[in-house]
Amino acid sequence: MILATEKWTYSDMLAKLPAESRYEIRNYNLIDMPSPTEKYQDLQFKLTLLLGNHIVSNRLGKFYQAPFDVIFDEGNTVQPDLLFVSNENKDIIKERVFLVHQI
């Protein structure tokens, strides 16, 4: 659900919202992200175990769970539920945020 008519940027989100907020910005619109259902969380947990163990045991890269900001640009920031970053792309991980320069 879009929450505001004003344009939002990632900088606005950092300045105006609590750090662990469940919001995303798409095309400069602030989007409220509802809590996942029990069924969804169960599936996410199973995927986390399966993928996480595979990634770690094979030393393929890093595996993250939400919340973790992925910034495509100032007007498009998302928090994917699960995120894999290969060793080859590890330099795109920053201290507070994850910056994506290429899709």
PDB file of N, CA and C in Angstrom:
ATOM      1  N   MET A   1       0.838  -1.171   0.000  1.00  0.00           N
ATOM      2  CA  MET A   1       0.000   0.000   0.000  1.00  0.00           C
ATOM      3  C   MET A   1       0.893   1.247   0.000  1.00  0.00           C
ATOM      4  N   ILE A   2       0.633   2.174  -0.913  1.00  0.00           N
ATOM      5  CA  ILE A   2       1.364   3.442  -0.964  1.00  0.00           C
ATOM      6  C   ILE A   2       0.882   4.320   0.181  1.00  0.00           C
ATOM      7  N   LEU A   3       1.831   4.876   0.946  1.00  0.00           N
ATOM      8  CA  LEU A   3       1.482   5.617   2.154  1.00  0.00           C
ATOM      9  C   LEU A   3       1.434   7.125   1.999  1.00  0.00           C
ATOM     10  N   ALA A   4       2.141   7.669   1.027  1.00  0.00           N
ATOM     11  CA  ALA A   4       2.229   9.129   0.934  1.00  0.00           C
ATOM     12  C   ALA A   4       2.184   9.570  -0.520  1.00  0.00           C
ATOM     13  N   THR A   5       1.732  10.788  -0.730  1.00  0.00           N
ATOM     14  CA  THR A   5       1.690  11.330  -2.082  1.00  0.00           C
ATOM     15  C   THR A   5       2.992  12.051  -2.437  1.00  0.00           C
ATOM     16  N   GLU A   6       3.777  12.400  -1.435  1.00  0.00           N
ATOM     17  CA  GLU A   6       5.055  13.064  -1.700  1.00  0.00           C
ATOM     18  C   GLU A   6       6.077  12.050  -2.212  1.00  0.00           C
ATOM     19  N   LYS A   7       7.099  12.535  -2.887  1.00  0.00           N
ATOM     20  CA  LYS A   7       8.168  11.664  -3.357  1.00  0.00           C
ATOM     21  C   LYS A   7       9.098  11.341  -2.191  1.00  0.00           C
ATOM     22  N   TRP A   8       9.431  10.061  -2.059  1.00  0.00           N
ATOM     23  CA  TRP A   8      10.345   9.609  -1.024  1.00  0.00           C
ATOM     24  C   TRP A   8      11.642   9.131  -1.666  1.00  0.00           C
ATOM     25  N   THR A   9      12.748   9.352  -0.963  1.00  0.00           N
ATOM     26  CA  THR A   9      14.044   8.843  -1.386  1.00  0.00           C
ATOM     27  C   THR A   9      14.598   7.972  -0.260  1.00  0.00           C
ATOM     28  N   TYR A  10      15.667   7.270  -0.550  1.00  0.00           N
ATOM     29  CA  TYR A  10      16.308   6.467   0.489  1.00  0.00           C
ATOM     30  C   TYR A  10      16.800   7.367   1.620  1.00  0.00           C
ATOM     31  N   SER A  11      17.313   8.529   1.292  1.00  0.00           N
ATOM     32  CA  SER A  11      17.765   9.477   2.323  1.00  0.00           C
ATOM     33  C   SER A  11      16.620   9.891   3.230  1.00  0.00           C
ATOM     34  N   ASP A  12      15.435  10.124   2.655  1.00  0.00           N
ATOM     35  CA  ASP A  12      14.243  10.443   3.459  1.00  0.00           C
ATOM     36  C   ASP A  12      13.906   9.297   4.399  1.00  0.00           C
ATOM     37  N   MET A  13      13.953   8.086   3.872  1.00  0.00           N
ATOM     38  CA  MET A  13      13.615   6.921   4.671  1.00  0.00           C
ATOM     39  C   MET A  13      14.552   6.801   5.877  1.00  0.00           C
ATOM     40  N   LEU A  14      15.846   7.006   5.670  1.00  0.00           N
ATOM     41  CA  LEU A  14      16.800   6.942   6.771  1.00  0.00           C
ATOM     42  C   LEU A  14      16.542   8.035   7.805  1.00  0.00           C
ATOM     43  N   ALA A  15      16.199   9.228   7.339  1.00  0.00           N
ATOM     44  CA  ALA A  15      16.019  10.369   8.237  1.00  0.00           C
ATOM     45  C   ALA A  15      14.684  10.354   8.975  1.00  0.00           C
ATOM     46  N   LYS A  16      13.635   9.816   8.366  1.00  0.00           N
ATOM     47  CA  LYS A  16      12.285   9.978   8.908  1.00  0.00           C
ATOM     48  C   LYS A  16      11.666   8.723   9.521  1.00  0.00           C
ATOM     49  N   LEU A  17      12.226   7.557   9.249  1.00  0.00           N
ATOM     50  CA  LEU A  17      11.604   6.315   9.714  1.00  0.00           C
ATOM     51  C   LEU A  17      12.537   5.553  10.651  1.00  0.00           C
ATOM     52  N   PRO A  18      11.982   4.751  11.561  1.00  0.00           N
ATOM     53  CA  PRO A  18      12.828   3.931  12.435  1.00  0.00           C
ATOM     54  C   PRO A  18      13.705   2.987  11.617  1.00  0.00           C
ATOM     55  N   ALA A  19      14.867   2.674  12.140  1.00  0.00           N
ATOM     56  CA  ALA A  19      15.855   1.885  11.404  1.00  0.00           C
ATOM     57  C   ALA A  19      15.344   0.522  10.956  1.00  0.00           C
ATOM     58  N   GLU A  20      14.537  -0.127  11.747  1.00  0.00           N
ATOM     59  CA  GLU A  20      14.054  -1.468  11.411  1.00  0.00           C
ATOM     60  C   GLU A  20      12.646  -1.454  10.813  1.00  0.00           C
ATOM     61  N   SER A  21      12.316  -0.418  10.087  1.00  0.00           N
ATOM     62  CA  SER A  21      10.989  -0.288   9.480  1.00  0.00           C
ATOM     63  C   SER A  21      10.779  -1.310   8.377  1.00  0.00           C
ATOM     64  N   ARG A  22       9.529  -1.665   8.149  1.00  0.00           N
ATOM     65  CA  ARG A  22       9.172  -2.574   7.056  1.00  0.00           C
ATOM     66  C   ARG A  22       8.568  -1.767   5.910  1.00  0.00           C
ATOM     67  N   TYR A  23       9.402  -0.944   5.295  1.00  0.00           N
ATOM     68  CA  TYR A  23       8.979  -0.126   4.161  1.00  0.00           C
ATOM     69  C   TYR A  23       9.943  -0.331   3.017  1.00  0.00           C
ATOM     70  N   GLU A  24       9.435  -0.105   1.819  1.00  0.00           N
ATOM     71  CA  GLU A  24      10.266  -0.079   0.626  1.00  0.00           C
ATOM     72  C   GLU A  24       9.919   1.182  -0.142  1.00  0.00           C
ATOM     73  N   ILE A  25      10.805   1.583  -1.027  1.00  0.00           N
ATOM     74  CA  ILE A  25      10.539   2.724  -1.899  1.00  0.00           C
ATOM     75  C   ILE A  25      10.591   2.213  -3.331  1.00  0.00           C
ATOM     76  N   ARG A  26       9.504   2.424  -4.042  1.00  0.00           N
ATOM     77  CA  ARG A  26       9.437   2.022  -5.448  1.00  0.00           C
ATOM     78  C   ARG A  26       8.954   3.213  -6.258  1.00  0.00           C
ATOM     79  N   ASN A  27       9.775   3.610  -7.208  1.00  0.00           N
ATOM     80  CA  ASN A  27       9.467   4.784  -8.042  1.00  0.00           C
ATOM     81  C   ASN A  27       9.127   5.993  -7.180  1.00  0.00           C
ATOM     82  N   TYR A  28       9.900   6.181  -6.115  1.00  0.00           N
ATOM     83  CA  TYR A  28       9.780   7.303  -5.177  1.00  0.00           C
ATOM     84  C   TYR A  28       8.505   7.246  -4.332  1.00  0.00           C
ATOM     85  N   ASN A  29       7.802   6.113  -4.327  1.00  0.00           N
ATOM     86  CA  ASN A  29       6.619   5.931  -3.489  1.00  0.00           C
ATOM     87  C   ASN A  29       6.994   5.108  -2.267  1.00  0.00           C
ATOM     88  N   LEU A  30       6.558   5.531  -1.094  1.00  0.00           N
ATOM     89  CA  LEU A  30       6.781   4.789   0.139  1.00  0.00           C
ATOM     90  C   LEU A  30       5.730   3.680   0.217  1.00  0.00           C
ATOM     91  N   ILE A  31       6.199   2.448   0.317  1.00  0.00           N
ATOM     92  CA  ILE A  31       5.320   1.283   0.316  1.00  0.00           C
ATOM     93  C   ILE A  31       5.379   0.604   1.679  1.00  0.00           C
ATOM     94  N   ASP A  32       4.220   0.387   2.286  1.00  0.00           N
ATOM     95  CA  ASP A  32       4.125  -0.327   3.549  1.00  0.00           C
ATOM     96  C   ASP A  32       4.169  -1.827   3.258  1.00  0.00           C
ATOM     97  N   MET A  33       5.087  -2.520   3.893  1.00  0.00           N
ATOM     98  CA  MET A  33       5.231  -3.956   3.672  1.00  0.00           C
ATOM     99  C   MET A  33       4.594  -4.701   4.841  1.00  0.00           C
ATOM    100  N   PRO A  34       3.510  -5.417   4.604  1.00  0.00           N
ATOM    101  CA  PRO A  34       2.832  -6.130   5.688  1.00  0.00           C
ATOM    102  C   PRO A  34       3.687  -7.280   6.227  1.00  0.00           C
ATOM    103  N   SER A  35       3.406  -7.696   7.437  1.00  0.00           N
ATOM    104  CA  SER A  35       4.092  -8.842   8.017  1.00  0.00           C
ATOM    105  C   SER A  35       3.734 -10.099   7.235  1.00  0.00           C
ATOM    106  N   PRO A  36       4.693 -10.995   7.065  1.00  0.00           N
ATOM    107  CA  PRO A  36       4.410 -12.220   6.330  1.00  0.00           C
ATOM    108  C   PRO A  36       3.513 -13.167   7.127  1.00  0.00           C
ATOM    109  N   THR A  37       2.811 -14.021   6.419  1.00  0.00           N
ATOM    110  CA  THR A  37       1.943 -15.003   7.057  1.00  0.00           C
ATOM    111  C   THR A  37       2.775 -16.131   7.673  1.00  0.00           C
ATOM    112  N   GLU A  38       2.140 -16.957   8.475  1.00  0.00           N
ATOM    113  CA  GLU A  38       2.820 -18.098   9.100  1.00  0.00           C
ATOM    114  C   GLU A  38       3.326 -19.060   8.032  1.00  0.00           C
ATOM    115  N   LYS A  39       2.514 -19.334   7.037  1.00  0.00           N
ATOM    116  CA  LYS A  39       2.893 -20.238   5.950  1.00  0.00           C
ATOM    117  C   LYS A  39       4.107 -19.697   5.186  1.00  0.00           C
ATOM    118  N   TYR A  40       4.100 -18.400   4.937  1.00  0.00           N
ATOM    119  CA  TYR A  40       5.209 -17.752   4.236  1.00  0.00           C
ATOM    120  C   TYR A  40       6.490 -17.840   5.075  1.00  0.00           C
ATOM    121  N   GLN A  41       6.392 -17.572   6.383  1.00  0.00           N
ATOM    122  CA  GLN A  41       7.566 -17.640   7.249  1.00  0.00           C
ATOM    123  C   GLN A  41       8.119 -19.054   7.330  1.00  0.00           C
ATOM    124  N   ASP A  42       7.235 -20.046   7.346  1.00  0.00           N
ATOM    125  CA  ASP A  42       7.676 -21.438   7.367  1.00  0.00           C
ATOM    126  C   ASP A  42       8.475 -21.762   6.109  1.00  0.00           C
ATOM    127  N   LEU A  43       7.974 -21.357   4.953  1.00  0.00           N
ATOM    128  CA  LEU A  43       8.678 -21.577   3.696  1.00  0.00           C
ATOM    129  C   LEU A  43      10.020 -20.833   3.678  1.00  0.00           C
ATOM    130  N   GLN A  44      10.012 -19.596   4.152  1.00  0.00           N
ATOM    131  CA  GLN A  44      11.250 -18.809   4.184  1.00  0.00           C
ATOM    132  C   GLN A  44      12.288 -19.470   5.081  1.00  0.00           C
ATOM    133  N   PHE A  45      11.862 -20.000   6.214  1.00  0.00           N
ATOM    134  CA  PHE A  45      12.778 -20.694   7.124  1.00  0.00           C
ATOM    135  C   PHE A  45      13.400 -21.915   6.436  1.00  0.00           C
ATOM    136  N   LYS A  46      12.576 -22.703   5.749  1.00  0.00           N
ATOM    137  CA  LYS A  46      13.079 -23.898   5.057  1.00  0.00           C
ATOM    138  C   LYS A  46      14.061 -23.519   3.957  1.00  0.00           C
ATOM    139  N   LEU A  47      13.738 -22.466   3.214  1.00  0.00           N
ATOM    140  CA  LEU A  47      14.661 -21.990   2.176  1.00  0.00           C
ATOM    141  C   LEU A  47      15.966 -21.476   2.780  1.00  0.00           C
ATOM    142  N   THR A  48      15.858 -20.800   3.915  1.00  0.00           N
ATOM    143  CA  THR A  48      17.053 -20.289   4.591  1.00  0.00           C
ATOM    144  C   THR A  48      17.971 -21.438   4.980  1.00  0.00           C
ATOM    145  N   LEU A  49      17.408 -22.490   5.563  1.00  0.00           N
ATOM    146  CA  LEU A  49      18.226 -23.647   5.944  1.00  0.00           C
ATOM    147  C   LEU A  49      18.866 -24.297   4.729  1.00  0.00           C
ATOM    148  N   LEU A  50      18.060 -24.558   3.729  1.00  0.00           N
ATOM    149  CA  LEU A  50      18.537 -25.246   2.532  1.00  0.00           C
ATOM    150  C   LEU A  50      19.601 -24.427   1.792  1.00  0.00           C
ATOM    151  N   LEU A  51      19.246 -23.195   1.446  1.00  0.00           N
ATOM    152  CA  LEU A  51      20.175 -22.344   0.700  1.00  0.00           C
ATOM    153  C   LEU A  51      21.368 -21.921   1.547  1.00  0.00           C
ATOM    154  N   GLY A  52      21.092 -21.523   2.790  1.00  0.00           N
ATOM    155  CA  GLY A  52      22.162 -21.066   3.670  1.00  0.00           C
ATOM    156  C   GLY A  52      23.225 -22.123   3.875  1.00  0.00           C
ATOM    157  N   ASN A  53      22.807 -23.346   4.164  1.00  0.00           N
ATOM    158  CA  ASN A  53      23.770 -24.430   4.359  1.00  0.00           C
ATOM    159  C   ASN A  53      24.576 -24.694   3.099  1.00  0.00           C
ATOM    160  N   HIS A  54      23.926 -24.673   1.948  1.00  0.00           N
ATOM    161  CA  HIS A  54      24.622 -24.895   0.672  1.00  0.00           C
ATOM    162  C   HIS A  54      25.646 -23.787   0.409  1.00  0.00           C
ATOM    163  N   ILE A  55      25.240 -22.551   0.618  1.00  0.00           N
ATOM    164  CA  ILE A  55      26.130 -21.408   0.362  1.00  0.00           C
ATOM    165  C   ILE A  55      27.334 -21.434   1.294  1.00  0.00           C
ATOM    166  N   VAL A  56      27.093 -21.687   2.568  1.00  0.00           N
ATOM    167  CA  VAL A  56      28.187 -21.708   3.549  1.00  0.00           C
ATOM    168  C   VAL A  56      29.113 -22.900   3.323  1.00  0.00           C
ATOM    169  N   SER A  57      28.550 -24.085   3.160  1.00  0.00           N
ATOM    170  CA  SER A  57      29.394 -25.282   3.021  1.00  0.00           C
ATOM    171  C   SER A  57      30.238 -25.251   1.745  1.00  0.00           C
ATOM    172  N   ASN A  58      29.766 -24.574   0.719  1.00  0.00           N
ATOM    173  CA  ASN A  58      30.519 -24.468  -0.532  1.00  0.00           C
ATOM    174  C   ASN A  58      31.262 -23.149  -0.676  1.00  0.00           C
ATOM    175  N   ARG A  59      31.186 -22.313   0.372  1.00  0.00           N
ATOM    176  CA  ARG A  59      31.890 -21.017   0.394  1.00  0.00           C
ATOM    177  C   ARG A  59      31.620 -20.204  -0.873  1.00  0.00           C
ATOM    178  N   LEU A  60      30.333 -20.084  -1.198  1.00  0.00           N
ATOM    179  CA  LEU A  60      29.924 -19.400  -2.427  1.00  0.00           C
ATOM    180  C   LEU A  60      29.784 -17.901  -2.277  1.00  0.00           C
ATOM    181  N   GLY A  61      29.607 -17.416  -1.050  1.00  0.00           N
ATOM    182  CA  GLY A  61      29.406 -15.994  -0.824  1.00  0.00           C
ATOM    183  C   GLY A  61      28.673 -15.759   0.478  1.00  0.00           C
ATOM    184  N   LYS A  62      27.872 -14.706   0.509  1.00  0.00           N
ATOM    185  CA  LYS A  62      27.122 -14.313   1.702  1.00  0.00           C
ATOM    186  C   LYS A  62      25.632 -14.500   1.465  1.00  0.00           C
ATOM    187  N   PHE A  63      24.939 -14.818   2.548  1.00  0.00           N
ATOM    188  CA  PHE A  63      23.494 -15.030   2.501  1.00  0.00           C
ATOM    189  C   PHE A  63      22.866 -14.188   3.596  1.00  0.00           C
ATOM    190  N   TYR A  64      21.887 -13.378   3.244  1.00  0.00           N
ATOM    191  CA  TYR A  64      21.266 -12.452   4.185  1.00  0.00           C
ATOM    192  C   TYR A  64      19.763 -12.666   4.236  1.00  0.00           C
ATOM    193  N   GLN A  65      19.179 -12.273   5.369  1.00  0.00           N
ATOM    194  CA  GLN A  65      17.730 -12.275   5.538  1.00  0.00           C
ATOM    195  C   GLN A  65      17.283 -10.849   5.839  1.00  0.00           C
ATOM    196  N   ALA A  66      16.034 -10.549   5.518  1.00  0.00           N
ATOM    197  CA  ALA A  66      15.467  -9.232   5.798  1.00  0.00           C
ATOM    198  C   ALA A  66      15.494  -8.968   7.301  1.00  0.00           C
ATOM    199  N   PRO A  67      15.610  -7.728   7.682  1.00  0.00           N
ATOM    200  CA  PRO A  67      15.710  -6.551   6.818  1.00  0.00           C
ATOM    201  C   PRO A  67      17.149  -6.281   6.393  1.00  0.00           C
ATOM    202  N   PHE A  68      17.309  -5.966   5.135  1.00  0.00           N
ATOM    203  CA  PHE A  68      18.602  -5.620   4.560  1.00  0.00           C
ATOM    204  C   PHE A  68      18.316  -4.763   3.339  1.00  0.00           C
ATOM    205  N   ASP A  69      18.702  -3.512   3.384  1.00  0.00           N
ATOM    206  CA  ASP A  69      18.369  -2.577   2.313  1.00  0.00           C
ATOM    207  C   ASP A  69      19.161  -2.873   1.037  1.00  0.00           C
ATOM    208  N   VAL A  70      18.446  -2.959  -0.057  1.00  0.00           N
ATOM    209  CA  VAL A  70      19.050  -3.076  -1.389  1.00  0.00           C
ATOM    210  C   VAL A  70      18.635  -1.817  -2.141  1.00  0.00           C
ATOM    211  N   ILE A  71      19.624  -1.008  -2.492  1.00  0.00           N
ATOM    212  CA  ILE A  71      19.366   0.292  -3.105  1.00  0.00           C
ATOM    213  C   ILE A  71      19.739   0.224  -4.582  1.00  0.00           C
ATOM    214  N   PHE A  72      18.723   0.350  -5.425  1.00  0.00           N
ATOM    215  CA  PHE A  72      18.975   0.422  -6.861  1.00  0.00           C
ATOM    216  C   PHE A  72      19.303   1.856  -7.248  1.00  0.00           C
ATOM    217  N   ASP A  73      18.585   2.807  -6.655  1.00  0.00           N
ATOM    218  CA  ASP A  73      18.842   4.235  -6.772  1.00  0.00           C
ATOM    219  C   ASP A  73      18.043   4.911  -5.659  1.00  0.00           C
ATOM    220  N   GLU A  74      18.137   6.224  -5.530  1.00  0.00           N
ATOM    221  CA  GLU A  74      17.475   6.948  -4.425  1.00  0.00           C
ATOM    222  C   GLU A  74      15.969   6.714  -4.375  1.00  0.00           C
ATOM    223  N   GLY A  75      15.342   6.436  -5.507  1.00  0.00           N
ATOM    224  CA  GLY A  75      13.904   6.269  -5.542  1.00  0.00           C
ATOM    225  C   GLY A  75      13.433   4.824  -5.581  1.00  0.00           C
ATOM    226  N   ASN A  76      14.371   3.888  -5.435  1.00  0.00           N
ATOM    227  CA  ASN A  76      14.013   2.468  -5.477  1.00  0.00           C
ATOM    228  C   ASN A  76      14.887   1.683  -4.507  1.00  0.00           C
ATOM    229  N   THR A  77      14.315   1.391  -3.354  1.00  0.00           N
ATOM    230  CA  THR A  77      14.994   0.650  -2.297  1.00  0.00           C
ATOM    231  C   THR A  77      14.071  -0.450  -1.814  1.00  0.00           C
ATOM    232  N   VAL A  78      14.574  -1.672  -1.761  1.00  0.00           N
ATOM    233  CA  VAL A  78      13.761  -2.801  -1.331  1.00  0.00           C
ATOM    234  C   VAL A  78      14.462  -3.566  -0.215  1.00  0.00           C
ATOM    235  N   GLN A  79      13.699  -4.415   0.459  1.00  0.00           N
ATOM    236  CA  GLN A  79      14.234  -5.294   1.492  1.00  0.00           C
ATOM    237  C   GLN A  79      13.806  -6.719   1.164  1.00  0.00           C
ATOM    238  N   PRO A  80      14.592  -7.410   0.330  1.00  0.00           N
ATOM    239  CA  PRO A  80      14.212  -8.776  -0.025  1.00  0.00           C
ATOM    240  C   PRO A  80      14.240  -9.675   1.208  1.00  0.00           C
ATOM    241  N   ASP A  81      13.393 -10.685   1.206  1.00  0.00           N
ATOM    242  CA  ASP A  81      13.350 -11.607   2.337  1.00  0.00           C
ATOM    243  C   ASP A  81      14.636 -12.413   2.442  1.00  0.00           C
ATOM    244  N   LEU A  82      15.162 -12.833   1.309  1.00  0.00           N
ATOM    245  CA  LEU A  82      16.408 -13.586   1.248  1.00  0.00           C
ATOM    246  C   LEU A  82      17.288 -12.964   0.170  1.00  0.00           C
ATOM    247  N   LEU A  83      18.584 -12.926   0.445  1.00  0.00           N
ATOM    248  CA  LEU A  83      19.502 -12.268  -0.482  1.00  0.00           C
ATOM    249  C   LEU A  83      20.826 -13.020  -0.508  1.00  0.00           C
ATOM    250  N   PHE A  84      21.275 -13.384  -1.696  1.00  0.00           N
ATOM    251  CA  PHE A  84      22.572 -14.023  -1.883  1.00  0.00           C
ATOM    252  C   PHE A  84      23.491 -13.079  -2.638  1.00  0.00           C
ATOM    253  N   VAL A  85      24.723 -12.931  -2.132  1.00  0.00           N
ATOM    254  CA  VAL A  85      25.747 -12.137  -2.811  1.00  0.00           C
ATOM    255  C   VAL A  85      26.950 -13.049  -3.001  1.00  0.00           C
ATOM    256  N   SER A  86      27.305 -13.285  -4.249  1.00  0.00           N
ATOM    257  CA  SER A  86      28.428 -14.180  -4.541  1.00  0.00           C
ATOM    258  C   SER A  86      29.751 -13.543  -4.121  1.00  0.00           C
ATOM    259  N   ASN A  87      30.754 -14.377  -3.963  1.00  0.00           N
ATOM    260  CA  ASN A  87      32.090 -13.882  -3.621  1.00  0.00           C
ATOM    261  C   ASN A  87      32.589 -12.877  -4.655  1.00  0.00           C
ATOM    262  N   GLU A  88      32.237 -13.102  -5.912  1.00  0.00           N
ATOM    263  CA  GLU A  88      32.678 -12.205  -6.984  1.00  0.00           C
ATOM    264  C   GLU A  88      32.073 -10.812  -6.861  1.00  0.00           C
ATOM    265  N   ASN A  89      30.937 -10.697  -6.194  1.00  0.00           N
ATOM    266  CA  ASN A  89      30.256  -9.404  -6.048  1.00  0.00           C
ATOM    267  C   ASN A  89      30.306  -8.854  -4.631  1.00  0.00           C
ATOM    268  N   LYS A  90      31.135  -9.406  -3.776  1.00  0.00           N
ATOM    269  CA  LYS A  90      31.147  -9.011  -2.363  1.00  0.00           C
ATOM    270  C   LYS A  90      31.472  -7.539  -2.144  1.00  0.00           C
ATOM    271  N   ASP A  91      32.131  -6.895  -3.086  1.00  0.00           N
ATOM    272  CA  ASP A  91      32.493  -5.486  -2.920  1.00  0.00           C
ATOM    273  C   ASP A  91      31.301  -4.533  -2.971  1.00  0.00           C
ATOM    274  N   ILE A  92      30.136  -5.014  -3.399  1.00  0.00           N
ATOM    275  CA  ILE A  92      28.972  -4.128  -3.427  1.00  0.00           C
ATOM    276  C   ILE A  92      28.299  -4.019  -2.057  1.00  0.00           C
ATOM    277  N   ILE A  93      28.753  -4.821  -1.090  1.00  0.00           N
ATOM    278  CA  ILE A  93      28.203  -4.751   0.260  1.00  0.00           C
ATOM    279  C   ILE A  93      28.890  -3.608   1.003  1.00  0.00           C
ATOM    280  N   LYS A  94      28.075  -2.738   1.582  1.00  0.00           N
ATOM    281  CA  LYS A  94      28.589  -1.594   2.333  1.00  0.00           C
ATOM    282  C   LYS A  94      28.229  -1.751   3.801  1.00  0.00           C
ATOM    283  N   GLU A  95      28.773  -0.919   4.662  1.00  0.00           N
ATOM    284  CA  GLU A  95      28.561  -1.022   6.110  1.00  0.00           C
ATOM    285  C   GLU A  95      27.088  -1.057   6.502  1.00  0.00           C
ATOM    286  N   ARG A  96      26.321  -0.094   6.060  1.00  0.00           N
ATOM    287  CA  ARG A  96      24.919  -0.009   6.476  1.00  0.00           C
ATOM    288  C   ARG A  96      23.957  -0.473   5.398  1.00  0.00           C
ATOM    289  N   VAL A  97      24.344  -0.298   4.169  1.00  0.00           N
ATOM    290  CA  VAL A  97      23.420  -0.580   3.070  1.00  0.00           C
ATOM    291  C   VAL A  97      24.090  -1.419   2.011  1.00  0.00           C
ATOM    292  N   PHE A  98      23.299  -1.943   1.155  1.00  0.00           N
ATOM    293  CA  PHE A  98      23.744  -2.765   0.037  1.00  0.00           C
ATOM    294  C   PHE A  98      23.445  -1.973  -1.222  1.00  0.00           C
ATOM    295  N   LEU A  99      24.439  -1.686  -2.012  1.00  0.00           N
ATOM    296  CA  LEU A  99      24.254  -0.871  -3.205  1.00  0.00           C
ATOM    297  C   LEU A  99      24.333  -1.724  -4.449  1.00  0.00           C
ATOM    298  N   VAL A 100      23.325  -1.621  -5.270  1.00  0.00           N
ATOM    299  CA  VAL A 100      23.303  -2.371  -6.517  1.00  0.00           C
ATOM    300  C   VAL A 100      23.499  -1.396  -7.660  1.00  0.00           C
ATOM    301  N   HIS A 101      24.557  -1.587  -8.417  1.00  0.00           N
ATOM    302  CA  HIS A 101      24.830  -0.700  -9.546  1.00  0.00           C
ATOM    303  C   HIS A 101      24.417  -1.329 -10.868  1.00  0.00           C
ATOM    304  N   GLN A 102      24.304  -2.634 -10.876  1.00  0.00           N
ATOM    305  CA  GLN A 102      23.896  -3.341 -12.085  1.00  0.00           C
ATOM    306  C   GLN A 102      22.847  -4.371 -11.717  1.00  0.00           C
ATOM    307  N   ILE A 103      21.945  -4.602 -12.635  1.00  0.00           N
ATOM    308  CA  ILE A 103      20.932  -5.631 -12.402  1.00  0.00           C
ATOM    309  C   ILE A 103      21.253  -6.824 -13.281  1.00  0.00           C
TER     310      ILE A 103
END
